[in-house]
Structure formats: structure tokens, C-alpha cells
Amino acid sequence: MRLNVEIPRLQVWVDTENLEMEKCVTRLHSMTPLLAAEMSEVCKRQKWVNDVHCSRLACIYNLTQYMGPIHAELSDEVEDNVQDEGGDEAIRFEACIERMDS
């Protein structure tokens, strides 16, 4: 039952982090373009990590045992982005998580 609470919290955290980082890059762009460019790269890497989390969350939402709220914005696009951008790293990360689950 606790996961029915923690899973939505993780989803909100990931969504909020992505939005806040994008806002930060936008604010920095007008003040310090070089710092904005560096922050943009950090943001891209973190978004990739968050996309991996979203991909795993999408799998959890599909479990019949999961009884919590389901995030409305999730789609197959997240999983496609993980495969396109992360390639082997995403596959290794997923395999590692699956080994931890078993």
C-alpha cells in the first residue's frame, strides 16, 4: 500500500524537477548565456535520467497490483526517448533494476 503513495510522489518530483530546471535555464539565458549553456547540458542529462524513471513508473502503472493514481501524461514516447538517447546505458540500467527486484 505504501507504494501507492510513494509512486505518485516520485512522479510529481520528477515532473517538478524537469520544469524547475527548464525555468532555471530560461532565466539564466538572459543574464549569463555561458552559464545557461552549461546548465542546459546538465538539464539534458538529468532529463534523460528522469525519463528512465518515467519509463519504470509507466511499467509500474501497468501492473495489476498497483492501485494508486496513474499519471495522465505518460505515453510510449517516454520509453522511445529513453531508448533513442540512452541506448545501451538505459538497457543496462533497466536490467540492473530488474535484478534488484528479483
N, C-alpha and C. Protein backbone atom coordinates (compact mmCIF):
# COMPACT_ATOMS: atom_id res chain seq x y z
N MET A 1 0.81 -1.20 0.00
CA MET A 1 0.00 0.00 0.00
C MET A 1 0.86 1.26 0.00
N ARG A 2 2.00 1.20 0.66
CA ARG A 2 2.84 2.39 0.74
C ARG A 2 3.29 2.85 -0.65
N LEU A 3 3.54 1.89 -1.54
CA LEU A 3 3.96 2.26 -2.89
C LEU A 3 2.87 3.02 -3.63
N ASN A 4 1.62 2.77 -3.29
CA ASN A 4 0.53 3.52 -3.91
C ASN A 4 0.59 5.00 -3.55
N VAL A 5 1.32 5.34 -2.50
CA VAL A 5 1.55 6.73 -2.11
C VAL A 5 2.88 7.23 -2.66
N GLU A 6 3.92 6.41 -2.54
CA GLU A 6 5.26 6.84 -2.93
C GLU A 6 5.44 6.97 -4.45
N ILE A 7 4.81 6.11 -5.22
CA ILE A 7 4.93 6.18 -6.69
C ILE A 7 4.43 7.53 -7.21
N PRO A 8 3.23 7.99 -6.82
CA PRO A 8 2.79 9.31 -7.29
C PRO A 8 3.70 10.44 -6.81
N ARG A 9 4.26 10.30 -5.61
CA ARG A 9 5.18 11.33 -5.11
C ARG A 9 6.43 11.41 -5.99
N LEU A 10 6.95 10.25 -6.36
CA LEU A 10 8.12 10.23 -7.24
C LEU A 10 7.78 10.87 -8.59
N GLN A 11 6.61 10.57 -9.12
CA GLN A 11 6.19 11.14 -10.40
C GLN A 11 6.12 12.67 -10.32
N VAL A 12 5.54 13.18 -9.25
CA VAL A 12 5.44 14.63 -9.07
C VAL A 12 6.82 15.24 -8.94
N TRP A 13 7.70 14.58 -8.20
CA TRP A 13 9.06 15.09 -8.02
C TRP A 13 9.79 15.18 -9.36
N VAL A 14 9.68 14.12 -10.16
CA VAL A 14 10.35 14.10 -11.47
C VAL A 14 9.79 15.22 -12.36
N ASP A 15 8.48 15.34 -12.41
CA ASP A 15 7.86 16.38 -13.24
C ASP A 15 8.28 17.77 -12.78
N THR A 16 8.29 17.99 -11.47
CA THR A 16 8.66 19.29 -10.92
C THR A 16 10.12 19.60 -11.20
N GLU A 17 10.99 18.61 -11.03
CA GLU A 17 12.41 18.84 -11.29
C GLU A 17 12.65 19.24 -12.74
N ASN A 18 12.01 18.54 -13.67
CA ASN A 18 12.17 18.89 -15.09
C ASN A 18 11.72 20.33 -15.36
N LEU A 19 10.57 20.72 -14.83
CA LEU A 19 10.07 22.08 -15.05
C LEU A 19 10.97 23.14 -14.42
N GLU A 20 11.41 22.89 -13.19
CA GLU A 20 12.26 23.86 -12.50
C GLU A 20 13.60 24.04 -13.20
N MET A 21 14.17 22.95 -13.69
CA MET A 21 15.45 23.06 -14.39
C MET A 21 15.28 23.84 -15.69
N GLU A 22 14.19 23.60 -16.41
CA GLU A 22 13.94 24.35 -17.65
C GLU A 22 13.74 25.84 -17.35
N LYS A 23 13.03 26.15 -16.29
CA LYS A 23 12.83 27.56 -15.90
C LYS A 23 14.17 28.21 -15.55
N CYS A 24 15.01 27.48 -14.86
CA CYS A 24 16.33 28.00 -14.48
C CYS A 24 17.16 28.33 -15.71
N VAL A 25 17.16 27.44 -16.68
CA VAL A 25 17.92 27.67 -17.92
C VAL A 25 17.37 28.90 -18.63
N THR A 26 16.06 29.04 -18.67
CA THR A 26 15.44 30.20 -19.34
C THR A 26 15.83 31.49 -18.64
N ARG A 27 15.80 31.52 -17.31
CA ARG A 27 16.19 32.73 -16.57
C ARG A 27 17.66 33.05 -16.78
N LEU A 28 18.51 32.05 -16.76
CA LEU A 28 19.94 32.27 -16.91
C LEU A 28 20.31 32.75 -18.31
N HIS A 29 19.54 32.34 -19.28
CA HIS A 29 19.86 32.67 -20.68
C HIS A 29 19.99 34.17 -20.90
N SER A 30 19.12 34.96 -20.29
CA SER A 30 19.18 36.41 -20.50
C SER A 30 20.30 37.07 -19.68
N MET A 31 20.66 36.45 -18.53
CA MET A 31 21.67 37.06 -17.67
C MET A 31 23.09 36.60 -17.99
N THR A 32 23.28 35.30 -18.07
CA THR A 32 24.62 34.74 -18.30
C THR A 32 24.50 33.58 -19.30
N PRO A 33 24.64 33.88 -20.57
CA PRO A 33 24.45 32.85 -21.60
C PRO A 33 25.38 31.64 -21.47
N LEU A 34 26.62 31.86 -21.05
CA LEU A 34 27.55 30.73 -20.93
C LEU A 34 27.11 29.77 -19.82
N LEU A 35 26.69 30.34 -18.71
CA LEU A 35 26.20 29.50 -17.62
C LEU A 35 24.90 28.80 -18.03
N ALA A 36 24.07 29.50 -18.80
CA ALA A 36 22.83 28.91 -19.30
C ALA A 36 23.13 27.72 -20.21
N ALA A 37 24.15 27.85 -21.04
CA ALA A 37 24.52 26.74 -21.93
C ALA A 37 24.99 25.53 -21.13
N GLU A 38 25.79 25.77 -20.11
CA GLU A 38 26.26 24.66 -19.26
C GLU A 38 25.09 24.04 -18.50
N MET A 39 24.24 24.88 -17.96
CA MET A 39 23.07 24.38 -17.22
C MET A 39 22.14 23.61 -18.15
N SER A 40 22.06 24.02 -19.39
CA SER A 40 21.23 23.32 -20.37
C SER A 40 21.73 21.89 -20.57
N GLU A 41 23.04 21.71 -20.61
CA GLU A 41 23.61 20.38 -20.75
C GLU A 41 23.32 19.52 -19.51
N VAL A 42 23.44 20.12 -18.34
CA VAL A 42 23.11 19.41 -17.10
C VAL A 42 21.63 19.02 -17.13
N CYS A 43 20.80 19.94 -17.58
CA CYS A 43 19.37 19.71 -17.66
C CYS A 43 19.04 18.55 -18.61
N LYS A 44 19.74 18.49 -19.73
CA LYS A 44 19.51 17.39 -20.69
C LYS A 44 19.86 16.04 -20.09
N ARG A 45 21.00 15.99 -19.37
CA ARG A 45 21.40 14.72 -18.74
C ARG A 45 20.39 14.31 -17.66
N GLN A 46 19.97 15.28 -16.85
CA GLN A 46 19.02 14.96 -15.79
C GLN A 46 17.66 14.57 -16.36
N LYS A 47 17.27 15.19 -17.45
CA LYS A 47 16.00 14.83 -18.09
C LYS A 47 16.07 13.40 -18.60
N TRP A 48 17.22 13.00 -19.13
CA TRP A 48 17.36 11.61 -19.58
C TRP A 48 17.19 10.66 -18.39
N VAL A 49 17.82 10.98 -17.26
CA VAL A 49 17.68 10.15 -16.06
C VAL A 49 16.21 10.11 -15.64
N ASN A 50 15.56 11.27 -15.65
CA ASN A 50 14.16 11.33 -15.26
C ASN A 50 13.27 10.56 -16.24
N ASP A 51 13.64 10.54 -17.51
CA ASP A 51 12.89 9.75 -18.49
C ASP A 51 13.01 8.25 -18.19
N VAL A 52 14.18 7.84 -17.70
CA VAL A 52 14.33 6.44 -17.29
C VAL A 52 13.39 6.15 -16.13
N HIS A 53 13.35 7.08 -15.16
CA HIS A 53 12.41 6.91 -14.04
C HIS A 53 10.97 6.83 -14.55
N CYS A 54 10.62 7.70 -15.47
CA CYS A 54 9.25 7.71 -16.01
C CYS A 54 8.93 6.42 -16.74
N SER A 55 9.91 5.88 -17.42
CA SER A 55 9.72 4.61 -18.11
C SER A 55 9.41 3.50 -17.11
N ARG A 56 10.16 3.48 -16.01
CA ARG A 56 9.92 2.48 -14.96
C ARG A 56 8.57 2.72 -14.29
N LEU A 57 8.22 3.98 -14.07
CA LEU A 57 6.92 4.29 -13.47
C LEU A 57 5.78 3.83 -14.38
N ALA A 58 5.97 3.99 -15.69
CA ALA A 58 4.94 3.53 -16.64
C ALA A 58 4.74 2.03 -16.52
N CYS A 59 5.81 1.29 -16.31
CA CYS A 59 5.69 -0.16 -16.11
C CYS A 59 4.93 -0.47 -14.83
N ILE A 60 5.21 0.29 -13.78
CA ILE A 60 4.51 0.09 -12.51
C ILE A 60 3.03 0.39 -12.67
N TYR A 61 2.69 1.46 -13.40
CA TYR A 61 1.28 1.81 -13.59
C TYR A 61 0.53 0.69 -14.31
N ASN A 62 1.22 -0.09 -15.12
CA ASN A 62 0.57 -1.17 -15.86
C ASN A 62 0.40 -2.45 -15.04
N LEU A 63 1.00 -2.51 -13.87
CA LEU A 63 0.86 -3.70 -13.02
C LEU A 63 -0.57 -3.79 -12.47
N THR A 64 -1.13 -4.97 -12.47
CA THR A 64 -2.49 -5.13 -11.94
C THR A 64 -2.52 -4.91 -10.43
N GLN A 65 -1.39 -5.13 -9.75
CA GLN A 65 -1.34 -4.96 -8.31
C GLN A 65 -1.28 -3.49 -7.89
N TYR A 66 -0.88 -2.61 -8.80
CA TYR A 66 -0.78 -1.19 -8.46
C TYR A 66 -2.17 -0.59 -8.39
N MET A 67 -2.51 0.01 -7.25
CA MET A 67 -3.85 0.54 -7.03
C MET A 67 -3.87 2.06 -6.87
N GLY A 68 -2.72 2.71 -7.02
CA GLY A 68 -2.65 4.15 -6.83
C GLY A 68 -3.04 4.90 -8.08
N PRO A 69 -2.99 6.24 -8.02
CA PRO A 69 -3.34 7.06 -9.19
C PRO A 69 -2.33 6.86 -10.32
N ILE A 70 -2.80 7.00 -11.53
CA ILE A 70 -1.96 6.84 -12.72
C ILE A 70 -1.75 8.21 -13.35
N HIS A 71 -0.49 8.49 -13.65
CA HIS A 71 -0.13 9.77 -14.25
C HIS A 71 -0.71 9.87 -15.65
N ALA A 72 -1.44 10.93 -15.93
CA ALA A 72 -2.17 11.07 -17.19
C ALA A 72 -1.27 11.34 -18.39
N GLU A 73 -0.11 11.96 -18.19
CA GLU A 73 0.71 12.39 -19.32
C GLU A 73 1.69 11.34 -19.82
N LEU A 74 1.78 10.20 -19.16
CA LEU A 74 2.75 9.19 -19.60
C LEU A 74 2.31 8.57 -20.92
N SER A 75 3.28 8.30 -21.75
CA SER A 75 2.98 7.68 -23.03
C SER A 75 4.17 6.83 -23.46
N ASP A 76 4.04 6.16 -24.58
CA ASP A 76 5.14 5.37 -25.12
C ASP A 76 6.29 6.25 -25.55
N GLU A 77 6.03 7.54 -25.75
CA GLU A 77 7.06 8.48 -26.19
C GLU A 77 8.22 8.52 -25.19
N VAL A 78 7.94 8.45 -23.91
CA VAL A 78 8.99 8.47 -22.89
C VAL A 78 9.91 7.27 -23.08
N GLU A 79 9.32 6.10 -23.24
CA GLU A 79 10.14 4.90 -23.43
C GLU A 79 10.97 4.99 -24.71
N ASP A 80 10.39 5.54 -25.78
CA ASP A 80 11.12 5.71 -27.03
C ASP A 80 12.30 6.65 -26.83
N ASN A 81 12.10 7.75 -26.08
CA ASN A 81 13.18 8.70 -25.83
C ASN A 81 14.31 8.05 -25.05
N VAL A 82 13.98 7.22 -24.09
CA VAL A 82 15.00 6.54 -23.30
C VAL A 82 15.84 5.65 -24.21
N GLN A 83 15.20 4.90 -25.09
CA GLN A 83 15.94 4.02 -25.99
C GLN A 83 16.78 4.83 -26.98
N ASP A 84 16.22 5.93 -27.53
CA ASP A 84 16.93 6.72 -28.52
C ASP A 84 18.14 7.43 -27.92
N GLU A 85 17.96 8.04 -26.75
CA GLU A 85 19.01 8.87 -26.17
C GLU A 85 20.00 8.08 -25.33
N GLY A 86 19.53 7.06 -24.63
CA GLY A 86 20.39 6.36 -23.70
C GLY A 86 20.99 5.10 -24.25
N GLY A 87 20.29 4.49 -25.17
CA GLY A 87 20.78 3.28 -25.78
C GLY A 87 21.13 2.21 -24.78
N ASP A 88 22.37 1.74 -24.85
CA ASP A 88 22.83 0.64 -24.01
C ASP A 88 22.78 0.97 -22.53
N GLU A 89 23.05 2.23 -22.17
CA GLU A 89 23.02 2.60 -20.76
C GLU A 89 21.64 2.37 -20.16
N ALA A 90 20.62 2.76 -20.88
CA ALA A 90 19.24 2.59 -20.38
C ALA A 90 18.91 1.12 -20.24
N ILE A 91 19.35 0.31 -21.19
CA ILE A 91 19.09 -1.12 -21.14
C ILE A 91 19.82 -1.75 -19.95
N ARG A 92 21.08 -1.36 -19.73
CA ARG A 92 21.83 -1.89 -18.58
C ARG A 92 21.21 -1.45 -17.26
N PHE A 93 20.77 -0.20 -17.21
CA PHE A 93 20.14 0.32 -16.00
C PHE A 93 18.86 -0.45 -15.71
N GLU A 94 18.06 -0.68 -16.72
CA GLU A 94 16.81 -1.42 -16.54
C GLU A 94 17.08 -2.85 -16.08
N ALA A 95 18.09 -3.49 -16.67
CA ALA A 95 18.45 -4.85 -16.27
C ALA A 95 18.90 -4.89 -14.81
N CYS A 96 19.64 -3.88 -14.40
CA CYS A 96 20.10 -3.79 -13.02
C CYS A 96 18.91 -3.66 -12.07
N ILE A 97 17.96 -2.82 -12.42
CA ILE A 97 16.77 -2.63 -11.57
C ILE A 97 15.98 -3.93 -11.51
N GLU A 98 15.86 -4.61 -12.62
CA GLU A 98 15.10 -5.88 -12.64
C GLU A 98 15.79 -6.92 -11.76
N ARG A 99 17.13 -6.95 -11.75
CA ARG A 99 17.84 -7.89 -10.89
C ARG A 99 17.59 -7.55 -9.42
N MET A 100 17.51 -6.26 -9.11
CA MET A 100 17.25 -5.84 -7.73
C MET A 100 15.85 -6.23 -7.31
N ASP A 101 14.91 -6.21 -8.25
CA ASP A 101 13.52 -6.55 -7.95
C ASP A 101 13.34 -8.04 -7.67
N SER A 102 14.22 -8.86 -8.25
CA SER A 102 14.02 -10.32 -8.09
C SER A 102 14.79 -10.88 -6.92
